[in-house]
């Protein structure tokens, strides 16, 4: 990878639907060269996938909460089950199994505090969860 590839990746992370002409204008290569490079980045796995970012507000989900979750240490069998459970929950947009003081970081999208409270009661008060910490997102910068 060179500086052209890095610039292409930066641009595609903002908008992956840019045309070869648009990328060429911003990178300083021909449209064909840009498209060949993007195709190579996809084929080699540098670009894992192209996705659509859907605005949760369209569905009335205006509140984002980051949840730091800690599992009881004597229940490592729960990690796999919890990953499967979180993957099936529409409120959980992201789930990261992490090192450190917590075991999971979740990005949760809900309509309001009432919906979040119901999620807390349903999910985070299970016996295998030692503690959770909620961080309401005030705004997203990047």
N, C-alpha and C. Protein backbone atom coordinates (compact mmCIF):
# COMPACT_ATOMS: atom_id res chain seq x y z
N UNK A 1 0.84 -1.19 0.00
CA UNK A 1 0.00 0.00 0.00
C UNK A 1 0.88 1.24 0.00
N UNK A 2 0.48 2.20 -0.78
CA UNK A 2 1.20 3.46 -0.84
C UNK A 2 0.26 4.60 -0.44
N UNK A 3 0.73 5.82 -0.61
CA UNK A 3 -0.08 6.98 -0.20
C UNK A 3 -1.37 7.11 -1.00
N UNK A 4 -1.36 6.68 -2.27
CA UNK A 4 -2.59 6.72 -3.06
C UNK A 4 -3.64 5.77 -2.46
N UNK A 5 -3.20 4.56 -2.11
CA UNK A 5 -4.12 3.60 -1.49
C UNK A 5 -4.67 4.13 -0.18
N UNK A 6 -3.80 4.71 0.63
CA UNK A 6 -4.25 5.25 1.92
C UNK A 6 -5.27 6.37 1.72
N UNK A 7 -5.04 7.22 0.74
CA UNK A 7 -5.98 8.31 0.46
C UNK A 7 -7.31 7.74 -0.05
N UNK A 8 -7.24 6.73 -0.91
CA UNK A 8 -8.48 6.10 -1.40
C UNK A 8 -9.27 5.50 -0.24
N UNK A 9 -8.58 4.83 0.66
CA UNK A 9 -9.27 4.25 1.82
C UNK A 9 -9.93 5.33 2.68
N UNK A 10 -9.23 6.43 2.86
CA UNK A 10 -9.79 7.55 3.64
C UNK A 10 -11.06 8.06 2.98
N UNK A 11 -11.03 8.24 1.67
CA UNK A 11 -12.20 8.75 0.95
C UNK A 11 -13.35 7.76 0.95
N UNK A 12 -13.04 6.48 0.78
CA UNK A 12 -14.09 5.47 0.73
C UNK A 12 -14.76 5.25 2.08
N UNK A 13 -14.04 5.53 3.17
CA UNK A 13 -14.65 5.41 4.49
C UNK A 13 -15.69 6.49 4.72
N UNK A 14 -15.57 7.59 4.03
CA UNK A 14 -16.56 8.66 4.13
C UNK A 14 -17.75 8.36 3.23
N UNK A 15 -17.47 7.87 2.01
CA UNK A 15 -18.53 7.55 1.06
C UNK A 15 -18.00 6.49 0.09
N UNK A 16 -18.45 5.26 0.24
CA UNK A 16 -17.94 4.17 -0.59
C UNK A 16 -18.57 4.13 -1.98
N UNK A 17 -19.48 5.03 -2.26
CA UNK A 17 -20.16 5.03 -3.56
C UNK A 17 -19.60 6.07 -4.52
N UNK A 18 -18.45 6.61 -4.21
CA UNK A 18 -17.86 7.60 -5.10
C UNK A 18 -17.43 6.93 -6.41
N UNK A 19 -17.59 7.63 -7.49
CA UNK A 19 -17.23 7.09 -8.81
C UNK A 19 -15.72 7.19 -9.01
N UNK A 20 -15.26 6.50 -10.04
CA UNK A 20 -13.85 6.57 -10.40
C UNK A 20 -13.42 7.99 -10.71
N UNK A 21 -14.29 8.75 -11.37
CA UNK A 21 -13.98 10.15 -11.69
C UNK A 21 -13.87 11.00 -10.43
N UNK A 22 -14.79 10.79 -9.49
CA UNK A 22 -14.74 11.55 -8.24
C UNK A 22 -13.47 11.24 -7.46
N UNK A 23 -13.14 9.96 -7.37
CA UNK A 23 -11.92 9.56 -6.66
C UNK A 23 -10.69 10.11 -7.36
N UNK A 24 -10.67 10.04 -8.69
CA UNK A 24 -9.52 10.53 -9.46
C UNK A 24 -9.26 12.00 -9.21
N UNK A 25 -10.33 12.78 -9.15
CA UNK A 25 -10.19 14.22 -8.90
C UNK A 25 -9.55 14.49 -7.54
N UNK A 26 -9.84 13.64 -6.56
CA UNK A 26 -9.36 13.87 -5.20
C UNK A 26 -8.00 13.24 -4.93
N UNK A 27 -7.65 12.20 -5.71
CA UNK A 27 -6.42 11.45 -5.44
C UNK A 27 -5.29 11.86 -6.39
N UNK A 28 -5.64 12.24 -7.61
CA UNK A 28 -4.60 12.62 -8.56
C UNK A 28 -4.15 11.47 -9.45
N UNK A 29 -4.98 10.45 -9.62
CA UNK A 29 -4.73 9.35 -10.55
C UNK A 29 -5.87 9.32 -11.56
N UNK A 30 -5.72 8.50 -12.58
CA UNK A 30 -6.80 8.35 -13.55
C UNK A 30 -7.96 7.58 -12.91
N UNK A 31 -9.17 7.76 -13.43
CA UNK A 31 -10.30 7.01 -12.91
C UNK A 31 -10.07 5.49 -12.98
N UNK A 32 -9.52 5.03 -14.08
CA UNK A 32 -9.28 3.58 -14.22
C UNK A 32 -8.28 3.09 -13.17
N UNK A 33 -7.22 3.85 -12.92
CA UNK A 33 -6.22 3.46 -11.92
C UNK A 33 -6.85 3.42 -10.53
N UNK A 34 -7.70 4.39 -10.24
CA UNK A 34 -8.37 4.41 -8.93
C UNK A 34 -9.24 3.18 -8.75
N UNK A 35 -10.04 2.86 -9.78
CA UNK A 35 -10.93 1.71 -9.69
C UNK A 35 -10.15 0.40 -9.59
N UNK A 36 -9.03 0.29 -10.31
CA UNK A 36 -8.19 -0.92 -10.20
C UNK A 36 -7.65 -1.06 -8.78
N UNK A 37 -7.21 0.05 -8.21
CA UNK A 37 -6.68 0.02 -6.85
C UNK A 37 -7.77 -0.36 -5.84
N UNK A 38 -8.95 0.21 -6.00
CA UNK A 38 -10.06 -0.11 -5.09
C UNK A 38 -10.42 -1.59 -5.22
N UNK A 39 -10.46 -2.10 -6.43
CA UNK A 39 -10.76 -3.52 -6.63
C UNK A 39 -9.70 -4.40 -5.97
N UNK A 40 -8.42 -4.02 -6.09
CA UNK A 40 -7.35 -4.78 -5.45
C UNK A 40 -7.48 -4.73 -3.93
N UNK A 41 -7.86 -3.57 -3.39
CA UNK A 41 -8.06 -3.45 -1.94
C UNK A 41 -9.19 -4.35 -1.47
N UNK A 42 -10.21 -4.51 -2.29
CA UNK A 42 -11.31 -5.42 -1.93
C UNK A 42 -10.87 -6.88 -2.04
N UNK A 43 -10.20 -7.22 -3.11
CA UNK A 43 -9.78 -8.60 -3.34
C UNK A 43 -8.78 -9.09 -2.30
N UNK A 44 -7.94 -8.21 -1.81
CA UNK A 44 -6.93 -8.61 -0.83
C UNK A 44 -7.44 -8.53 0.60
N UNK A 45 -8.69 -8.09 0.78
CA UNK A 45 -9.28 -8.07 2.12
C UNK A 45 -8.99 -6.81 2.92
N UNK A 46 -8.30 -5.85 2.31
CA UNK A 46 -8.09 -4.58 3.02
C UNK A 46 -9.44 -3.91 3.25
N UNK A 47 -10.28 -3.91 2.21
CA UNK A 47 -11.67 -3.48 2.37
C UNK A 47 -12.47 -4.74 2.59
N UNK A 48 -13.00 -4.90 3.79
CA UNK A 48 -13.72 -6.12 4.14
C UNK A 48 -15.12 -6.16 3.53
N UNK A 49 -15.81 -5.02 3.53
CA UNK A 49 -17.17 -5.00 3.01
C UNK A 49 -17.61 -3.55 2.82
N UNK A 50 -18.62 -3.38 2.01
CA UNK A 50 -19.26 -2.09 1.81
C UNK A 50 -20.62 -2.18 2.48
N UNK A 51 -20.96 -1.16 3.25
CA UNK A 51 -22.21 -1.20 4.00
C UNK A 51 -22.99 0.10 3.81
N UNK A 52 -24.25 0.05 4.17
CA UNK A 52 -25.08 1.25 4.21
C UNK A 52 -25.28 1.61 5.68
N UNK A 53 -25.02 2.84 6.02
CA UNK A 53 -25.24 3.31 7.38
C UNK A 53 -26.62 3.96 7.40
N UNK A 54 -27.54 3.31 8.08
CA UNK A 54 -28.93 3.75 8.14
C UNK A 54 -29.12 4.63 9.37
N UNK A 55 -29.76 5.75 9.17
CA UNK A 55 -30.01 6.66 10.29
C UNK A 55 -31.03 6.04 11.24
N UNK A 56 -30.64 5.80 12.50
CA UNK A 56 -31.59 5.23 13.47
C UNK A 56 -32.76 6.16 13.74
N UNK A 57 -32.60 7.45 13.50
CA UNK A 57 -33.67 8.41 13.76
C UNK A 57 -34.88 8.16 12.86
N UNK A 58 -34.63 7.58 11.69
CA UNK A 58 -35.73 7.25 10.78
C UNK A 58 -36.70 6.28 11.46
N UNK A 59 -36.17 5.43 12.32
CA UNK A 59 -36.98 4.44 13.02
C UNK A 59 -37.31 4.86 14.45
N UNK A 60 -37.09 6.13 14.76
CA UNK A 60 -37.43 6.64 16.08
C UNK A 60 -36.41 6.30 17.16
N UNK A 61 -35.24 5.86 16.77
CA UNK A 61 -34.19 5.49 17.73
C UNK A 61 -33.21 6.65 17.86
N UNK A 62 -33.51 7.56 18.78
CA UNK A 62 -32.75 8.80 18.90
C UNK A 62 -31.65 8.76 19.96
N UNK A 63 -31.63 7.74 20.77
CA UNK A 63 -30.69 7.71 21.90
C UNK A 63 -29.66 6.60 21.72
N UNK A 64 -28.39 6.98 21.81
CA UNK A 64 -27.30 6.02 21.74
C UNK A 64 -26.68 5.89 23.13
N UNK A 65 -26.46 4.65 23.55
CA UNK A 65 -25.85 4.38 24.85
C UNK A 65 -24.70 3.40 24.63
N UNK A 66 -23.54 3.73 25.18
CA UNK A 66 -22.42 2.80 25.20
C UNK A 66 -22.51 2.07 26.54
N UNK A 67 -22.42 0.75 26.50
CA UNK A 67 -22.55 -0.05 27.71
C UNK A 67 -21.27 -0.83 27.93
N UNK A 68 -20.67 -0.66 29.10
CA UNK A 68 -19.51 -1.43 29.51
C UNK A 68 -20.03 -2.55 30.38
N UNK A 69 -19.78 -3.78 29.97
CA UNK A 69 -20.38 -4.94 30.61
C UNK A 69 -19.30 -5.87 31.15
N UNK A 70 -19.49 -6.32 32.38
CA UNK A 70 -18.56 -7.25 33.01
C UNK A 70 -19.30 -8.51 33.41
N UNK A 71 -18.76 -9.66 33.00
CA UNK A 71 -19.37 -10.97 33.26
C UNK A 71 -18.72 -11.58 34.49
N UNK A 72 -19.48 -12.37 35.23
CA UNK A 72 -18.91 -13.09 36.37
C UNK A 72 -17.76 -13.96 35.88
N UNK A 73 -16.64 -13.90 36.56
CA UNK A 73 -15.43 -14.61 36.12
C UNK A 73 -15.56 -16.12 36.14
N UNK A 74 -16.45 -16.63 36.95
CA UNK A 74 -16.59 -18.09 37.02
C UNK A 74 -17.54 -18.62 35.94
N UNK A 75 -17.92 -17.78 35.00
CA UNK A 75 -18.84 -18.20 33.94
C UNK A 75 -18.27 -17.92 32.54
N UNK A 76 -17.06 -18.39 32.23
CA UNK A 76 -16.51 -18.13 30.89
C UNK A 76 -17.33 -18.77 29.78
N UNK A 77 -18.13 -19.78 30.12
CA UNK A 77 -19.00 -20.41 29.13
C UNK A 77 -20.04 -19.44 28.59
N UNK A 78 -20.31 -18.40 29.32
CA UNK A 78 -21.33 -17.43 28.93
C UNK A 78 -20.88 -16.51 27.79
N UNK A 79 -19.56 -16.39 27.58
CA UNK A 79 -19.08 -15.47 26.55
C UNK A 79 -19.65 -15.79 25.17
N UNK A 80 -19.59 -17.05 24.79
CA UNK A 80 -20.09 -17.46 23.48
C UNK A 80 -21.59 -17.24 23.41
N UNK A 81 -22.30 -17.62 24.44
CA UNK A 81 -23.75 -17.44 24.45
C UNK A 81 -24.13 -15.97 24.40
N UNK A 82 -23.39 -15.14 25.11
CA UNK A 82 -23.69 -13.70 25.11
C UNK A 82 -23.42 -13.08 23.74
N UNK A 83 -22.35 -13.49 23.10
CA UNK A 83 -22.07 -12.97 21.75
C UNK A 83 -23.21 -13.31 20.81
N UNK A 84 -23.71 -14.53 20.89
CA UNK A 84 -24.84 -14.94 20.05
C UNK A 84 -26.10 -14.14 20.40
N UNK A 85 -26.33 -13.94 21.68
CA UNK A 85 -27.50 -13.19 22.12
C UNK A 85 -27.44 -11.75 21.62
N UNK A 86 -26.27 -11.10 21.80
CA UNK A 86 -26.13 -9.71 21.38
C UNK A 86 -26.25 -9.57 19.86
N UNK A 87 -25.75 -10.56 19.12
CA UNK A 87 -25.83 -10.52 17.66
C UNK A 87 -27.29 -10.51 17.18
N UNK A 88 -28.17 -11.12 17.95
CA UNK A 88 -29.58 -11.19 17.57
C UNK A 88 -30.44 -10.06 18.10
N UNK A 89 -29.85 -9.13 18.82
CA UNK A 89 -30.64 -8.03 19.40
C UNK A 89 -30.58 -6.81 18.50
N UNK A 90 -31.72 -6.35 17.97
CA UNK A 90 -31.69 -5.19 17.08
C UNK A 90 -31.22 -3.91 17.76
N UNK A 91 -31.37 -3.81 19.07
CA UNK A 91 -30.92 -2.59 19.77
C UNK A 91 -29.39 -2.50 19.83
N UNK A 92 -28.72 -3.63 19.76
CA UNK A 92 -27.26 -3.66 19.85
C UNK A 92 -26.69 -3.52 18.45
N UNK A 93 -26.15 -2.32 18.17
CA UNK A 93 -25.59 -2.06 16.84
C UNK A 93 -24.17 -2.57 16.72
N UNK A 94 -23.43 -2.55 17.82
CA UNK A 94 -22.06 -3.05 17.83
C UNK A 94 -21.81 -3.77 19.14
N UNK A 95 -21.00 -4.82 19.07
CA UNK A 95 -20.62 -5.57 20.26
C UNK A 95 -19.15 -5.91 20.12
N UNK A 96 -18.36 -5.51 21.09
CA UNK A 96 -16.92 -5.78 21.08
C UNK A 96 -16.56 -6.55 22.34
N UNK A 97 -15.92 -7.69 22.17
CA UNK A 97 -15.38 -8.46 23.30
C UNK A 97 -13.99 -7.90 23.53
N UNK A 98 -13.73 -7.35 24.72
CA UNK A 98 -12.51 -6.58 24.96
C UNK A 98 -11.71 -7.11 26.14
N UNK A 99 -10.48 -6.63 26.25
CA UNK A 99 -9.64 -6.94 27.40
C UNK A 99 -9.80 -5.81 28.41
N UNK A 100 -9.26 -6.02 29.59
CA UNK A 100 -9.29 -4.97 30.61
C UNK A 100 -10.33 -5.22 31.67
N UNK A 101 -10.79 -4.16 32.28
CA UNK A 101 -11.71 -4.25 33.41
C UNK A 101 -13.09 -4.75 33.00
N UNK A 102 -13.45 -4.57 31.73
CA UNK A 102 -14.77 -5.00 31.24
C UNK A 102 -14.59 -6.11 30.22
N UNK A 103 -15.65 -6.82 29.95
CA UNK A 103 -15.59 -7.93 28.99
C UNK A 103 -16.20 -7.57 27.64
N UNK A 104 -17.21 -6.71 27.65
CA UNK A 104 -17.88 -6.32 26.42
C UNK A 104 -18.11 -4.81 26.42
N UNK A 105 -18.07 -4.24 25.23
CA UNK A 105 -18.55 -2.86 25.03
C UNK A 105 -19.63 -2.95 23.97
N UNK A 106 -20.80 -2.44 24.30
CA UNK A 106 -21.94 -2.48 23.39
C UNK A 106 -22.31 -1.07 22.98
N UNK A 107 -22.67 -0.91 21.73
CA UNK A 107 -23.28 0.34 21.27
C UNK A 107 -24.75 0.03 21.05
N UNK A 108 -25.58 0.66 21.84
CA UNK A 108 -27.01 0.38 21.86
C UNK A 108 -27.77 1.60 21.33
N UNK A 109 -28.76 1.35 20.49
CA UNK A 109 -29.58 2.44 19.94
C UNK A 109 -31.03 2.19 20.35
N UNK A 110 -31.62 3.14 21.06
CA UNK A 110 -33.00 3.02 21.54
C UNK A 110 -33.74 4.33 21.30
N UNK A 111 -35.04 4.28 21.47
CA UNK A 111 -35.86 5.48 21.27
C UNK A 111 -35.67 6.49 22.40
N UNK A 112 -35.63 5.97 23.63
CA UNK A 112 -35.58 6.87 24.77
C UNK A 112 -35.13 6.10 26.01
N UNK A 113 -35.09 6.77 27.13
CA UNK A 113 -34.63 6.15 28.37
C UNK A 113 -35.57 5.03 28.82
N UNK A 114 -36.83 5.16 28.54
CA UNK A 114 -37.79 4.11 28.91
C UNK A 114 -37.47 2.80 28.18
N UNK A 115 -37.18 2.90 26.90
CA UNK A 115 -36.82 1.69 26.15
C UNK A 115 -35.49 1.13 26.64
N UNK A 116 -34.55 2.01 26.97
CA UNK A 116 -33.27 1.53 27.49
C UNK A 116 -33.45 0.84 28.84
N UNK A 117 -34.28 1.40 29.69
CA UNK A 117 -34.54 0.79 31.00
C UNK A 117 -35.12 -0.61 30.85
N UNK A 118 -36.01 -0.79 29.89
CA UNK A 118 -36.58 -2.11 29.64
C UNK A 118 -35.51 -3.09 29.16
N UNK A 119 -34.60 -2.62 28.34
CA UNK A 119 -33.48 -3.45 27.89
C UNK A 119 -32.59 -3.84 29.06
N UNK A 120 -32.31 -2.90 29.94
CA UNK A 120 -31.49 -3.16 31.12
C UNK A 120 -32.13 -4.26 31.97
N UNK A 121 -33.41 -4.13 32.24
CA UNK A 121 -34.11 -5.12 33.05
C UNK A 121 -34.10 -6.50 32.38
N UNK A 122 -34.30 -6.51 31.08
CA UNK A 122 -34.40 -7.77 30.35
C UNK A 122 -33.04 -8.47 30.18
N UNK A 123 -31.97 -7.69 30.03
CA UNK A 123 -30.69 -8.28 29.64
C UNK A 123 -29.61 -8.17 30.71
N UNK A 124 -29.43 -7.00 31.29
CA UNK A 124 -28.26 -6.73 32.12
C UNK A 124 -28.42 -7.13 33.58
N UNK A 125 -29.59 -7.56 33.98
CA UNK A 125 -29.78 -8.01 35.36
C UNK A 125 -29.72 -9.53 35.49
N UNK A 126 -29.14 -10.18 34.49
CA UNK A 126 -28.98 -11.64 34.53
C UNK A 126 -27.94 -12.01 35.58
N UNK A 127 -28.03 -13.20 36.16
CA UNK A 127 -27.11 -13.60 37.24
C UNK A 127 -25.65 -13.68 36.81
N UNK A 128 -25.39 -13.94 35.53
CA UNK A 128 -24.02 -14.07 35.07
C UNK A 128 -23.36 -12.72 34.76
N UNK A 129 -24.10 -11.63 34.88
CA UNK A 129 -23.53 -10.30 34.64
C UNK A 129 -23.20 -9.67 35.99
N UNK A 130 -21.91 -9.39 36.16
CA UNK A 130 -21.46 -8.82 37.43
C UNK A 130 -21.83 -7.34 37.53
N UNK A 131 -21.57 -6.60 36.45
CA UNK A 131 -21.90 -5.18 36.49
C UNK A 131 -21.98 -4.64 35.08
N UNK A 132 -22.67 -3.53 34.96
CA UNK A 132 -22.72 -2.81 33.69
C UNK A 132 -22.65 -1.33 34.00
N UNK A 133 -22.13 -0.59 33.05
CA UNK A 133 -22.04 0.86 33.18
C UNK A 133 -22.57 1.47 31.89
N UNK A 134 -23.47 2.42 32.01
CA UNK A 134 -24.10 3.05 30.85
C UNK A 134 -23.52 4.43 30.63
N UNK A 135 -23.19 4.71 29.40
CA UNK A 135 -22.68 6.02 29.01
C UNK A 135 -23.56 6.55 27.89
N UNK A 136 -24.41 7.52 28.19
CA UNK A 136 -25.28 8.10 27.17
C UNK A 136 -24.44 8.99 26.26
N UNK A 137 -24.61 8.83 24.95
CA UNK A 137 -23.85 9.60 23.97
C UNK A 137 -24.51 10.95 23.79
N UNK A 138 -23.75 12.01 23.99
CA UNK A 138 -24.26 13.36 23.83
C UNK A 138 -24.15 13.82 22.37
N UNK A 139 -23.18 13.30 21.67
CA UNK A 139 -22.99 13.63 20.25
C UNK A 139 -21.85 12.82 19.70
N UNK A 140 -21.87 12.63 18.38
CA UNK A 140 -20.82 11.86 17.72
C UNK A 140 -19.98 12.78 16.86
N UNK A 141 -18.68 12.69 17.03
CA UNK A 141 -17.78 13.55 16.30
C UNK A 141 -17.21 12.91 15.04
N UNK A 142 -17.07 11.58 15.09
CA UNK A 142 -16.43 10.90 13.97
C UNK A 142 -16.99 9.50 13.86
